[in-house]
Amino acid sequence: MFHWEKRGLVFNPSECKERPFWRWNFAQGENALLFDNFIRVYFCCREKPTERGETVSRVSYVDLDKDNPMRILKICDRPVLDLGECGTFDEFGTYPFSVIRKDEKIYGYYGGVTRCESVPFQVSIGCAVSQDGGESFQRIGKGPVLTSSLYEPFMICSPKVRIFHGNWYMFYSAGTVWTKENERAEICYKLRMAQSEDGINWKKCGRTILEDKLGPLESQACGDVIFCNGKYHMFFCYRNHTDFRRNPENAYRIGYASSYNLFDWTREDGKAGIDISKDGKDWDSEMVAYPNVFSCNGKIYMLYLGNEVGKMGFGLAELKGELT
């Protein structure tokens, strides 16, 4: 079993004394990118809701001290990616956001949100590129790079992109079924994988890569993979299908799986080494979700979300020991 030592809550937008309407609350889908003198953490925040309760998600970032990642050096003062044009797949939000550096460019992959009638939303995965050091991103086109298809007819979301041995791998969630629960539509989604030679054209592997733990309606998301000590380690999150937003019994938990070839995974959630806080008043007392694992200055860290899927912001944990 791994042991993650929680360092605490890093950033909560709602605690900022002066905050713009577009960064009103939530800090979701966090993803770290290392620079020479700091760690940049991209995340998705939400606008102040309208009178009808509608909001959109936008991408922002904070820069953290590499020697003390709990210390914030800078808070981005504008979204790094504009919303999509009228009628495009990302007109109503960008969430979450996964970044990776390749040569002189930084690639950002994100879920583009479309509002729907019978269900709340549809999501496809888009790609944007930064050529100014990650300060801003421009779409490579108006359409998505990964979207629904014949055997994946529902939402395609939660991208996490890594490059191993020169090949690009995207771990994402594919919706398998929508159900109606107390007049509310709920989606079930499973972790899958796609490959690419250039980061633009992707080939889906065509199957769910993890077995279920909670039954066929278990949802799985945010499969973040790191290579260490001769094998691939995946940290991800999973939840029950209903009553998961505020009920700790059904809410997101962080799971773990390992692989030697990126295609065949052994799930061992008991080794994950991180769970909800036992203090019911803490920001992560109801759920832990959306892990992002990275190495910095000889240490391995995990960024993760807490209650209400990041409404209270994101926190940091440090691995004590090794990934074996």
C-alpha atoms as a PDB file:
ATOM      1  CA  MET A   1       0.000   0.000   0.000  1.00  0.00           C
ATOM      2  CA  PHE A   2       1.288   3.452  -0.907  1.00  0.00           C
ATOM      3  CA  HIS A   3       1.201   6.294   1.578  1.00  0.00           C
ATOM      4  CA  TRP A   4       0.306   9.806   0.528  1.00  0.00           C
ATOM      5  CA  GLU A   5       0.834  12.509   3.133  1.00  0.00           C
ATOM      6  CA  LYS A   6      -1.738  15.239   2.678  1.00  0.00           C
ATOM      7  CA  ARG A   7      -0.174  18.689   2.617  1.00  0.00           C
ATOM      8  CA  GLY A   8      -3.484  20.575   2.575  1.00  0.00           C
ATOM      9  CA  LEU A   9      -5.717  22.750   0.423  1.00  0.00           C
ATOM     10  CA  VAL A  10      -3.677  24.681  -2.144  1.00  0.00           C
ATOM     11  CA  PHE A  11      -6.181  26.946  -3.864  1.00  0.00           C
ATOM     12  CA  ASN A  12      -9.858  27.799  -3.480  1.00  0.00           C
ATOM     13  CA  PRO A  13     -11.079  30.571  -5.840  1.00  0.00           C
ATOM     14  CA  SER A  14     -13.992  31.506  -3.583  1.00  0.00           C
ATOM     15  CA  GLU A  15     -11.543  32.513  -0.845  1.00  0.00           C
ATOM     16  CA  CYS A  16      -9.971  35.219  -3.028  1.00  0.00           C
ATOM     17  CA  LYS A  17     -11.032  38.651  -1.780  1.00  0.00           C
ATOM     18  CA  GLU A  18     -11.292  40.012  -5.304  1.00  0.00           C
ATOM     19  CA  ARG A  19     -12.203  37.527  -7.985  1.00  0.00           C
ATOM     20  CA  PRO A  20     -13.577  37.978 -11.505  1.00  0.00           C
ATOM     21  CA  PHE A  21     -17.011  36.648 -12.456  1.00  0.00           C
ATOM     22  CA  TRP A  22     -15.458  33.926 -14.632  1.00  0.00           C
ATOM     23  CA  ARG A  23     -13.395  32.529 -11.717  1.00  0.00           C
ATOM     24  CA  TRP A  24     -16.169  32.595  -9.155  1.00  0.00           C
ATOM     25  CA  ASN A  25     -15.756  29.131  -7.629  1.00  0.00           C
ATOM     26  CA  PHE A  26     -14.545  25.594  -8.296  1.00  0.00           C
ATOM     27  CA  ALA A  27     -11.010  24.602  -9.247  1.00  0.00           C
ATOM     28  CA  GLN A  28     -11.477  21.353 -11.141  1.00  0.00           C
ATOM     29  CA  GLY A  29      -9.515  19.047 -13.413  1.00  0.00           C
ATOM     30  CA  GLU A  30      -6.151  20.258 -12.133  1.00  0.00           C
ATOM     31  CA  ASN A  31      -2.983  19.423 -14.104  1.00  0.00           C
ATOM     32  CA  ALA A  32       0.625  20.347 -13.268  1.00  0.00           C
ATOM     33  CA  LEU A  33       3.252  21.467 -15.788  1.00  0.00           C
ATOM     34  CA  LEU A  34       6.838  22.053 -14.654  1.00  0.00           C
ATOM     35  CA  PHE A  35       8.815  25.151 -15.599  1.00  0.00           C
ATOM     36  CA  ASP A  36      12.372  26.104 -14.609  1.00  0.00           C
ATOM     37  CA  ASN A  37      11.360  28.142 -11.577  1.00  0.00           C
ATOM     38  CA  PHE A  38       7.794  27.144 -10.767  1.00  0.00           C
ATOM     39  CA  ILE A  39       5.003  24.595 -11.124  1.00  0.00           C
ATOM     40  CA  ARG A  40       2.045  25.780 -13.171  1.00  0.00           C
ATOM     41  CA  VAL A  41      -1.244  24.135 -12.250  1.00  0.00           C
ATOM     42  CA  TYR A  42      -4.015  24.529 -14.794  1.00  0.00           C
ATOM     43  CA  PHE A  43      -7.551  24.062 -13.553  1.00  0.00           C
ATOM     44  CA  CYS A  44     -11.126  24.769 -14.591  1.00  0.00           C
ATOM     45  CA  CYS A  45     -13.227  27.309 -12.727  1.00  0.00           C
ATOM     46  CA  ARG A  46     -16.861  28.325 -13.106  1.00  0.00           C
ATOM     47  CA  GLU A  47     -18.575  31.612 -13.775  1.00  0.00           C
ATOM     48  CA  LYS A  48     -20.887  33.120 -11.240  1.00  0.00           C
ATOM     49  CA  PRO A  49     -24.201  31.350 -11.964  1.00  0.00           C
ATOM     50  CA  THR A  50     -27.037  33.172 -13.681  1.00  0.00           C
ATOM     51  CA  GLU A  51     -30.483  33.539 -12.090  1.00  0.00           C
ATOM     52  CA  ARG A  52     -31.411  30.266 -13.852  1.00  0.00           C
ATOM     53  CA  GLY A  53     -28.426  28.556 -12.248  1.00  0.00           C
ATOM     54  CA  GLU A  54     -26.512  28.250 -15.531  1.00  0.00           C
ATOM     55  CA  THR A  55     -22.746  28.583 -15.604  1.00  0.00           C
ATOM     56  CA  VAL A  56     -19.783  27.813 -17.848  1.00  0.00           C
ATOM     57  CA  SER A  57     -16.339  26.438 -17.076  1.00  0.00           C
ATOM     58  CA  ARG A  58     -13.116  28.157 -18.141  1.00  0.00           C
ATOM     59  CA  VAL A  59      -9.422  27.309 -17.887  1.00  0.00           C
ATOM     60  CA  SER A  60      -7.137  29.236 -15.548  1.00  0.00           C
ATOM     61  CA  TYR A  61      -3.920  28.533 -13.636  1.00  0.00           C
ATOM     62  CA  VAL A  62      -1.866  29.231 -10.534  1.00  0.00           C
ATOM     63  CA  ASP A  63       1.930  29.111 -10.313  1.00  0.00           C
ATOM     64  CA  LEU A  64       3.422  27.333  -7.297  1.00  0.00           C
ATOM     65  CA  ASP A  65       6.861  27.443  -5.711  1.00  0.00           C
ATOM     66  CA  LYS A  66       8.860  24.346  -6.763  1.00  0.00           C
ATOM     67  CA  ASP A  67      10.527  24.189  -3.350  1.00  0.00           C
ATOM     68  CA  ASN A  68       7.249  24.653  -1.502  1.00  0.00           C
ATOM     69  CA  PRO A  69       4.257  23.712  -3.690  1.00  0.00           C
ATOM     70  CA  MET A  70       1.860  24.971  -1.034  1.00  0.00           C
ATOM     71  CA  ARG A  71       3.033  28.522  -1.773  1.00  0.00           C
ATOM     72  CA  ILE A  72       1.230  30.374  -4.577  1.00  0.00           C
ATOM     73  CA  LEU A  73       3.408  32.708  -6.636  1.00  0.00           C
ATOM     74  CA  LYS A  74       0.878  33.916  -9.200  1.00  0.00           C
ATOM     75  CA  ILE A  75      -2.812  33.656 -10.041  1.00  0.00           C
ATOM     76  CA  CYS A  76      -3.816  33.943 -13.689  1.00  0.00           C
ATOM     77  CA  ASP A  77      -5.934  37.045 -14.337  1.00  0.00           C
ATOM     78  CA  ARG A  78      -7.726  35.854 -17.493  1.00  0.00           C
ATOM     79  CA  PRO A  79      -8.849  32.549 -19.056  1.00  0.00           C
ATOM     80  CA  VAL A  80      -6.113  30.910 -21.108  1.00  0.00           C
ATOM     81  CA  LEU A  81      -8.611  29.567 -23.665  1.00  0.00           C
ATOM     82  CA  ASP A  82     -11.680  31.301 -25.076  1.00  0.00           C
ATOM     83  CA  LEU A  83     -15.024  29.574 -25.323  1.00  0.00           C
ATOM     84  CA  GLY A  84     -15.972  28.068 -28.667  1.00  0.00           C
ATOM     85  CA  GLU A  85     -17.998  29.876 -31.303  1.00  0.00           C
ATOM     86  CA  CYS A  86     -21.778  29.621 -31.627  1.00  0.00           C
ATOM     87  CA  GLY A  87     -22.771  26.062 -32.475  1.00  0.00           C
ATOM     88  CA  THR A  88     -19.372  24.487 -31.812  1.00  0.00           C
ATOM     89  CA  PHE A  89     -18.784  21.575 -29.450  1.00  0.00           C
ATOM     90  CA  ASP A  90     -17.162  23.775 -26.769  1.00  0.00           C
ATOM     91  CA  GLU A  91     -19.496  26.766 -26.807  1.00  0.00           C
ATOM     92  CA  PHE A  92     -20.634  26.290 -23.204  1.00  0.00           C
ATOM     93  CA  GLY A  93     -17.509  25.303 -21.342  1.00  0.00           C
ATOM     94  CA  THR A  94     -14.039  23.800 -21.260  1.00  0.00           C
ATOM     95  CA  TYR A  95     -13.494  21.118 -18.618  1.00  0.00           C
ATOM     96  CA  PRO A  96     -11.228  19.453 -17.623  1.00  0.00           C
ATOM     97  CA  PHE A  97      -7.789  20.436 -19.023  1.00  0.00           C
ATOM     98  CA  SER A  98      -4.730  18.213 -19.536  1.00  0.00           C
ATOM     99  CA  VAL A  99      -1.413  19.711 -20.641  1.00  0.00           C
ATOM    100  CA  ILE A 100       1.767  18.197 -22.046  1.00  0.00           C
ATOM    101  CA  ARG A 101       4.938  19.750 -23.447  1.00  0.00           C
ATOM    102  CA  LYS A 102       6.321  18.568 -26.789  1.00  0.00           C
ATOM    103  CA  ASP A 103       9.302  20.333 -28.380  1.00  0.00           C
ATOM    104  CA  GLU A 104       8.617  24.079 -28.239  1.00  0.00           C
ATOM    105  CA  LYS A 105       4.850  23.754 -27.884  1.00  0.00           C
ATOM    106  CA  ILE A 106       2.475  23.030 -25.036  1.00  0.00           C
ATOM    107  CA  TYR A 107      -0.585  20.983 -25.971  1.00  0.00           C
ATOM    108  CA  GLY A 108      -3.804  21.299 -24.009  1.00  0.00           C
ATOM    109  CA  TYR A 109      -6.591  18.723 -24.234  1.00  0.00           C
ATOM    110  CA  TYR A 110      -9.984  19.554 -22.805  1.00  0.00           C
ATOM    111  CA  GLY A 111     -13.597  18.504 -22.623  1.00  0.00           C
ATOM    112  CA  GLY A 112     -15.800  20.839 -24.665  1.00  0.00           C
ATOM    113  CA  VAL A 113     -19.340  21.189 -23.311  1.00  0.00           C
ATOM    114  CA  THR A 114     -22.531  21.390 -25.370  1.00  0.00           C
ATOM    115  CA  ARG A 115     -25.887  21.969 -23.693  1.00  0.00           C
ATOM    116  CA  CYS A 116     -28.655  19.511 -24.521  1.00  0.00           C
ATOM    117  CA  GLU A 117     -32.397  19.060 -24.071  1.00  0.00           C
ATOM    118  CA  SER A 118     -33.043  15.527 -22.773  1.00  0.00           C
ATOM    119  CA  VAL A 119     -29.735  15.302 -20.871  1.00  0.00           C
ATOM    120  CA  PRO A 120     -27.782  18.196 -19.294  1.00  0.00           C
ATOM    121  CA  PHE A 121     -24.790  18.140 -21.619  1.00  0.00           C
ATOM    122  CA  GLN A 122     -22.680  16.414 -24.252  1.00  0.00           C
ATOM    123  CA  VAL A 123     -18.873  16.435 -24.133  1.00  0.00           C
ATOM    124  CA  SER A 124     -16.164  15.872 -26.755  1.00  0.00           C
ATOM    125  CA  ILE A 125     -12.404  16.321 -26.464  1.00  0.00           C
ATOM    126  CA  GLY A 126     -10.672  19.246 -28.138  1.00  0.00           C
ATOM    127  CA  CYS A 127      -7.054  20.261 -28.555  1.00  0.00           C
ATOM    128  CA  ALA A 128      -5.411  23.675 -28.269  1.00  0.00           C
ATOM    129  CA  VAL A 129      -1.747  24.665 -28.525  1.00  0.00           C
ATOM    130  CA  SER A 130       0.278  27.326 -26.740  1.00  0.00           C
ATOM    131  CA  GLN A 131       3.331  28.912 -28.286  1.00  0.00           C
ATOM    132  CA  ASP A 132       3.832  31.605 -25.630  1.00  0.00           C
ATOM    133  CA  GLY A 133       4.922  29.433 -22.735  1.00  0.00           C
ATOM    134  CA  GLY A 134       1.468  28.367 -21.627  1.00  0.00           C
ATOM    135  CA  GLU A 135       0.011  31.852 -21.084  1.00  0.00           C
ATOM    136  CA  SER A 136      -2.642  31.330 -23.772  1.00  0.00           C
ATOM    137  CA  PHE A 137      -3.885  28.532 -26.008  1.00  0.00           C
ATOM    138  CA  GLN A 138      -5.325  28.538 -29.520  1.00  0.00           C
ATOM    139  CA  ARG A 139      -7.511  25.757 -30.927  1.00  0.00           C
ATOM    140  CA  ILE A 140      -6.072  23.679 -33.730  1.00  0.00           C
ATOM    141  CA  GLY A 141      -9.555  23.727 -35.275  1.00  0.00           C
ATOM    142  CA  LYS A 142     -13.222  24.279 -34.527  1.00  0.00           C
ATOM    143  CA  GLY A 143     -13.991  20.600 -34.031  1.00  0.00           C
ATOM    144  CA  PRO A 144     -12.907  17.945 -31.520  1.00  0.00           C
ATOM    145  CA  VAL A 145     -10.041  15.477 -31.873  1.00  0.00           C
ATOM    146  CA  LEU A 146     -11.990  12.734 -30.062  1.00  0.00           C
ATOM    147  CA  THR A 147     -15.754  12.484 -29.991  1.00  0.00           C
ATOM    148  CA  SER A 148     -18.699  10.069 -29.844  1.00  0.00           C
ATOM    149  CA  SER A 149     -18.842   7.309 -32.436  1.00  0.00           C
ATOM    150  CA  LEU A 150     -20.695   4.138 -33.401  1.00  0.00           C
ATOM    151  CA  TYR A 151     -19.697   2.155 -30.298  1.00  0.00           C
ATOM    152  CA  GLU A 152     -19.111   5.139 -28.015  1.00  0.00           C
ATOM    153  CA  PRO A 153     -22.338   7.064 -28.606  1.00  0.00           C
ATOM    154  CA  PHE A 154     -22.336   9.269 -25.526  1.00  0.00           C
ATOM    155  CA  MET A 155     -19.987  11.782 -23.937  1.00  0.00           C
ATOM    156  CA  ILE A 156     -16.211  11.509 -24.400  1.00  0.00           C
ATOM    157  CA  CYS A 157     -14.469  13.364 -21.586  1.00  0.00           C
ATOM    158  CA  SER A 158     -11.751  13.664 -18.909  1.00  0.00           C
ATOM    159  CA  PRO A 159      -8.614  13.423 -21.090  1.00  0.00           C
ATOM    160  CA  LYS A 160      -5.231  12.712 -19.568  1.00  0.00           C
ATOM    161  CA  VAL A 161      -2.399  12.666 -22.112  1.00  0.00           C
ATOM    162  CA  ARG A 162       1.093  11.212 -21.717  1.00  0.00           C
ATOM    163  CA  ILE A 163       3.962  10.430 -24.094  1.00  0.00           C
ATOM    164  CA  PHE A 164       5.806   7.140 -23.581  1.00  0.00           C
ATOM    165  CA  HIS A 165       8.595   5.945 -25.870  1.00  0.00           C
ATOM    166  CA  GLY A 166       7.674   8.554 -28.482  1.00  0.00           C
ATOM    167  CA  ASN A 167       4.013   7.520 -28.679  1.00  0.00           C
ATOM    168  CA  TRP A 168       1.065   9.571 -27.434  1.00  0.00           C
ATOM    169  CA  TYR A 169      -1.510   7.975 -25.134  1.00  0.00           C
ATOM    170  CA  MET A 170      -4.806   9.484 -24.070  1.00  0.00           C
ATOM    171  CA  PHE A 171      -6.714   8.008 -21.151  1.00  0.00           C
ATOM    172  CA  TYR A 172     -10.310   9.229 -21.263  1.00  0.00           C
ATOM    173  CA  SER A 173     -13.816   8.388 -20.103  1.00  0.00           C
ATOM    174  CA  ALA A 174     -16.539   7.207 -22.451  1.00  0.00           C
ATOM    175  CA  GLY A 175     -20.199   7.370 -21.471  1.00  0.00           C
ATOM    176  CA  THR A 176     -21.952   4.002 -21.566  1.00  0.00           C
ATOM    177  CA  VAL A 177     -25.528   4.862 -20.562  1.00  0.00           C
ATOM    178  CA  TRP A 178     -27.745   7.713 -19.395  1.00  0.00           C
ATOM    179  CA  THR A 179     -30.423   6.916 -16.810  1.00  0.00           C
ATOM    180  CA  LYS A 180     -33.192   9.028 -15.289  1.00  0.00           C
ATOM    181  CA  GLU A 181     -33.050   9.180 -11.504  1.00  0.00           C
ATOM    182  CA  ASN A 182     -35.751  11.261  -9.766  1.00  0.00           C
ATOM    183  CA  GLU A 183     -36.266  13.280 -12.962  1.00  0.00           C
ATOM    184  CA  ARG A 184     -32.537  13.904 -13.268  1.00  0.00           C
ATOM    185  CA  ALA A 185     -30.410  12.373 -16.013  1.00  0.00           C
ATOM    186  CA  GLU A 186     -27.228  10.693 -14.774  1.00  0.00           C
ATOM    187  CA  ILE A 187     -24.363   9.396 -16.915  1.00  0.00           C
ATOM    188  CA  CYS A 188     -22.203   6.326 -16.370  1.00  0.00           C
ATOM    189  CA  TYR A 189     -18.730   6.367 -17.910  1.00  0.00           C
ATOM    190  CA  LYS A 190     -15.724   4.032 -18.125  1.00  0.00           C
ATOM    191  CA  LEU A 191     -11.986   4.527 -18.592  1.00  0.00           C
ATOM    192  CA  ARG A 192     -10.636   3.852 -22.072  1.00  0.00           C
ATOM    193  CA  MET A 193      -7.505   4.651 -24.047  1.00  0.00           C
ATOM    194  CA  ALA A 194      -6.518   6.040 -27.446  1.00  0.00           C
ATOM    195  CA  GLN A 195      -3.147   6.208 -29.223  1.00  0.00           C
ATOM    196  CA  SER A 196      -1.604   8.747 -31.562  1.00  0.00           C
ATOM    197  CA  GLU A 197       1.638   9.384 -33.421  1.00  0.00           C
ATOM    198  CA  ASP A 198       1.234  13.169 -33.504  1.00  0.00           C
ATOM    199  CA  GLY A 199      -1.178  14.140 -30.710  1.00  0.00           C
ATOM    200  CA  ILE A 200      -3.834  15.156 -33.242  1.00  0.00           C
ATOM    201  CA  ASN A 201      -5.072  11.986 -34.950  1.00  0.00           C
ATOM    202  CA  TRP A 202      -6.186   9.409 -32.409  1.00  0.00           C
ATOM    203  CA  LYS A 203      -7.094   5.729 -32.652  1.00  0.00           C
ATOM    204  CA  LYS A 204      -9.310   4.350 -29.905  1.00  0.00           C
ATOM    205  CA  CYS A 205      -8.457   0.983 -28.370  1.00  0.00           C
ATOM    206  CA  GLY A 206     -12.172   0.202 -28.350  1.00  0.00           C
ATOM    207  CA  ARG A 207     -12.609  -1.283 -24.879  1.00  0.00           C
ATOM    208  CA  THR A 208     -12.856  -0.433 -21.207  1.00  0.00           C
ATOM    209  CA  ILE A 209      -9.434  -0.889 -19.614  1.00  0.00           C
ATOM    210  CA  LEU A 210     -10.437  -1.392 -15.947  1.00  0.00           C
ATOM    211  CA  GLU A 211     -12.738  -3.916 -14.338  1.00  0.00           C
ATOM    212  CA  ASP A 212     -15.637  -2.645 -12.239  1.00  0.00           C
ATOM    213  CA  LYS A 213     -15.520  -2.608  -8.461  1.00  0.00           C
ATOM    214  CA  LEU A 214     -18.952  -1.149  -7.665  1.00  0.00           C
ATOM    215  CA  GLY A 215     -20.914  -2.931 -10.376  1.00  0.00           C
ATOM    216  CA  PRO A 216     -21.853  -2.176 -13.995  1.00  0.00           C
ATOM    217  CA  LEU A 217     -22.991   1.392 -13.221  1.00  0.00           C
ATOM    218  CA  GLU A 218     -19.718   2.392 -11.571  1.00  0.00           C
ATOM    219  CA  SER A 219     -18.243   5.525 -13.176  1.00  0.00           C
ATOM    220  CA  GLN A 220     -14.482   5.834 -13.733  1.00  0.00           C
ATOM    221  CA  ALA A 221     -12.596   8.997 -14.647  1.00  0.00           C
ATOM    222  CA  CYS A 222      -9.276  10.818 -14.816  1.00  0.00           C
ATOM    223  CA  GLY A 223      -6.830   7.984 -15.395  1.00  0.00           C
ATOM    224  CA  ASP A 224      -3.446   9.622 -14.784  1.00  0.00           C
ATOM    225  CA  VAL A 225      -0.446   7.419 -15.602  1.00  0.00           C
ATOM    226  CA  ILE A 226       3.172   7.692 -14.480  1.00  0.00           C
ATOM    227  CA  PHE A 227       6.041   5.296 -15.270  1.00  0.00           C
ATOM    228  CA  CYS A 228       8.205   4.317 -12.308  1.00  0.00           C
ATOM    229  CA  ASN A 229      10.332   1.320 -11.298  1.00  0.00           C
ATOM    230  CA  GLY A 230       9.678  -0.659 -14.463  1.00  0.00           C
ATOM    231  CA  LYS A 231       5.903  -0.364 -14.743  1.00  0.00           C
ATOM    232  CA  TYR A 232       3.055   2.033 -15.366  1.00  0.00           C
ATOM    233  CA  HIS A 233       1.060   3.286 -12.394  1.00  0.00           C
ATOM    234  CA  MET A 234      -2.440   4.687 -12.884  1.00  0.00           C
ATOM    235  CA  PHE A 235      -4.313   6.736 -10.315  1.00  0.00           C
ATOM    236  CA  PHE A 236      -7.943   7.424 -11.185  1.00  0.00           C
ATOM    237  CA  CYS A 237     -11.262   8.116  -9.493  1.00  0.00           C
ATOM    238  CA  TYR A 238     -14.510   6.179  -9.356  1.00  0.00           C
ATOM    239  CA  ARG A 239     -17.981   6.613  -7.864  1.00  0.00           C
ATOM    240  CA  ASN A 240     -21.450   5.147  -7.560  1.00  0.00           C
ATOM    241  CA  HIS A 241     -24.079   6.052 -10.119  1.00  0.00           C
ATOM    242  CA  THR A 242     -26.464   8.056  -7.941  1.00  0.00           C
ATOM    243  CA  ASP A 243     -26.479  10.198  -4.800  1.00  0.00           C
ATOM    244  CA  PHE A 244     -22.739  10.846  -5.141  1.00  0.00           C
ATOM    245  CA  ARG A 245     -22.523  14.640  -4.963  1.00  0.00           C
ATOM    246  CA  ARG A 246     -22.767  15.025  -1.180  1.00  0.00           C
ATOM    247  CA  ASN A 247     -23.040  11.481   0.164  1.00  0.00           C
ATOM    248  CA  PRO A 248     -19.581  10.223   1.208  1.00  0.00           C
ATOM    249  CA  GLU A 249     -20.716   6.608   0.844  1.00  0.00           C
ATOM    250  CA  ASN A 250     -21.312   7.042  -2.890  1.00  0.00           C
ATOM    251  CA  ALA A 251     -18.903   9.854  -3.752  1.00  0.00           C
ATOM    252  CA  TYR A 252     -15.628   9.724  -5.666  1.00  0.00           C
ATOM    253  CA  ARG A 253     -12.673   7.798  -4.298  1.00  0.00           C
ATOM    254  CA  ILE A 254      -9.187   7.491  -5.766  1.00  0.00           C
ATOM    255  CA  GLY A 255      -8.262   4.074  -7.122  1.00  0.00           C
ATOM    256  CA  TYR A 256      -5.070   2.483  -8.422  1.00  0.00           C
ATOM    257  CA  ALA A 257      -4.059   0.114 -11.221  1.00  0.00           C
ATOM    258  CA  SER A 258      -0.753  -1.005 -12.739  1.00  0.00           C
ATOM    259  CA  SER A 259       0.410  -2.299 -16.109  1.00  0.00           C
ATOM    260  CA  TYR A 260       3.534  -3.409 -17.934  1.00  0.00           C
ATOM    261  CA  ASN A 261       2.240  -2.628 -21.428  1.00  0.00           C
ATOM    262  CA  LEU A 262      -0.387   0.171 -21.042  1.00  0.00           C
ATOM    263  CA  PHE A 263      -3.123  -2.142 -22.403  1.00  0.00           C
ATOM    264  CA  ASP A 264      -3.632  -4.728 -19.667  1.00  0.00           C
ATOM    265  CA  TRP A 265      -4.268  -3.264 -16.217  1.00  0.00           C
ATOM    266  CA  THR A 266      -4.454  -4.850 -12.778  1.00  0.00           C
ATOM    267  CA  ARG A 267      -6.751  -2.905 -10.477  1.00  0.00           C
ATOM    268  CA  GLU A 268      -5.726  -2.748  -6.801  1.00  0.00           C
ATOM    269  CA  ASP A 269      -7.605   0.110  -5.149  1.00  0.00           C
ATOM    270  CA  GLY A 270      -6.342  -1.007  -1.741  1.00  0.00           C
ATOM    271  CA  LYS A 271      -2.868   0.226  -2.722  1.00  0.00           C
ATOM    272  CA  ALA A 272      -3.992   3.764  -3.643  1.00  0.00           C
ATOM    273  CA  GLY A 273      -3.024   5.091  -0.218  1.00  0.00           C
ATOM    274  CA  ILE A 274      -5.275   8.152  -0.060  1.00  0.00           C
ATOM    275  CA  ASP A 275      -8.866   8.579   1.124  1.00  0.00           C
ATOM    276  CA  ILE A 276     -11.299  11.173   2.457  1.00  0.00           C
ATOM    277  CA  SER A 277     -10.452  13.092   5.603  1.00  0.00           C
ATOM    278  CA  LYS A 278     -11.901  11.661   8.805  1.00  0.00           C
ATOM    279  CA  ASP A 279     -12.758  15.145  10.024  1.00  0.00           C
ATOM    280  CA  GLY A 280     -16.217  15.903   8.675  1.00  0.00           C
ATOM    281  CA  LYS A 281     -15.452  19.620   8.490  1.00  0.00           C
ATOM    282  CA  ASP A 282     -12.457  19.319   6.159  1.00  0.00           C
ATOM    283  CA  TRP A 283     -12.558  20.324   2.500  1.00  0.00           C
ATOM    284  CA  ASP A 284     -11.986  16.696   1.437  1.00  0.00           C
ATOM    285  CA  SER A 285     -14.190  14.947   4.012  1.00  0.00           C
ATOM    286  CA  GLU A 286     -16.784  13.773   1.452  1.00  0.00           C
ATOM    287  CA  MET A 287     -14.742  12.839  -1.612  1.00  0.00           C
ATOM    288  CA  VAL A 288     -11.297  12.722  -3.199  1.00  0.00           C
ATOM    289  CA  ALA A 289     -11.189  12.859  -6.991  1.00  0.00           C
ATOM    290  CA  TYR A 290      -9.382  13.735 -10.228  1.00  0.00           C
ATOM    291  CA  PRO A 291      -5.806  12.857  -9.234  1.00  0.00           C
ATOM    292  CA  ASN A 292      -2.831  14.305 -11.120  1.00  0.00           C
ATOM    293  CA  VAL A 293       0.518  12.713 -10.259  1.00  0.00           C
ATOM    294  CA  PHE A 294       3.856  14.339 -11.093  1.00  0.00           C
ATOM    295  CA  SER A 295       7.514  14.341 -10.051  1.00  0.00           C
ATOM    296  CA  CYS A 296       9.366  17.473  -8.941  1.00  0.00           C
ATOM    297  CA  ASN A 297      12.731  17.922  -7.210  1.00  0.00           C
ATOM    298  CA  GLY A 298      13.023  14.216  -6.501  1.00  0.00           C
ATOM    299  CA  LYS A 299       9.575  13.974  -4.918  1.00  0.00           C
ATOM    300  CA  ILE A 300       6.287  12.598  -6.238  1.00  0.00           C
ATOM    301  CA  TYR A 301       3.179  14.689  -5.655  1.00  0.00           C
ATOM    302  CA  MET A 302      -0.531  14.257  -6.228  1.00  0.00           C
ATOM    303  CA  LEU A 303      -2.954  17.076  -6.897  1.00  0.00           C
ATOM    304  CA  TYR A 304      -6.558  16.140  -6.187  1.00  0.00           C
ATOM    305  CA  LEU A 305     -10.052  17.553  -5.749  1.00  0.00           C
ATOM    306  CA  GLY A 306     -12.153  17.507  -2.621  1.00  0.00           C
ATOM    307  CA  ASN A 307     -15.832  17.955  -1.784  1.00  0.00           C
ATOM    308  CA  GLU A 308     -18.407  18.577  -4.518  1.00  0.00           C
ATOM    309  CA  VAL A 309     -15.803  17.723  -7.175  1.00  0.00           C
ATOM    310  CA  GLY A 310     -13.598  20.719  -6.542  1.00  0.00           C
ATOM    311  CA  LYS A 311     -16.048  23.352  -5.355  1.00  0.00           C
ATOM    312  CA  MET A 312     -13.709  23.871  -2.406  1.00  0.00           C
ATOM    313  CA  GLY A 313     -10.621  23.849  -4.639  1.00  0.00           C
ATOM    314  CA  PHE A 314      -7.731  21.432  -5.064  1.00  0.00           C
ATOM    315  CA  GLY A 315      -5.145  20.110  -2.629  1.00  0.00           C
ATOM    316  CA  LEU A 316      -1.737  18.462  -2.589  1.00  0.00           C
ATOM    317  CA  ALA A 317      -0.357  15.206  -1.223  1.00  0.00           C
ATOM    318  CA  GLU A 318       3.234  13.949  -1.164  1.00  0.00           C
ATOM    319  CA  LEU A 319       4.206  10.320  -1.644  1.00  0.00           C
ATOM    320  CA  LYS A 320       6.168   8.829   1.227  1.00  0.00           C
ATOM    321  CA  GLY A 321       8.199   5.969  -0.187  1.00  0.00           C
ATOM    322  CA  GLU A 322       8.260   4.748  -3.779  1.00  0.00           C
ATOM    323  CA  LEU A 323       5.869   3.585  -6.479  1.00  0.00           C
ATOM    324  CA  THR A 324       6.639  -0.113  -6.797  1.00  0.00           C
END
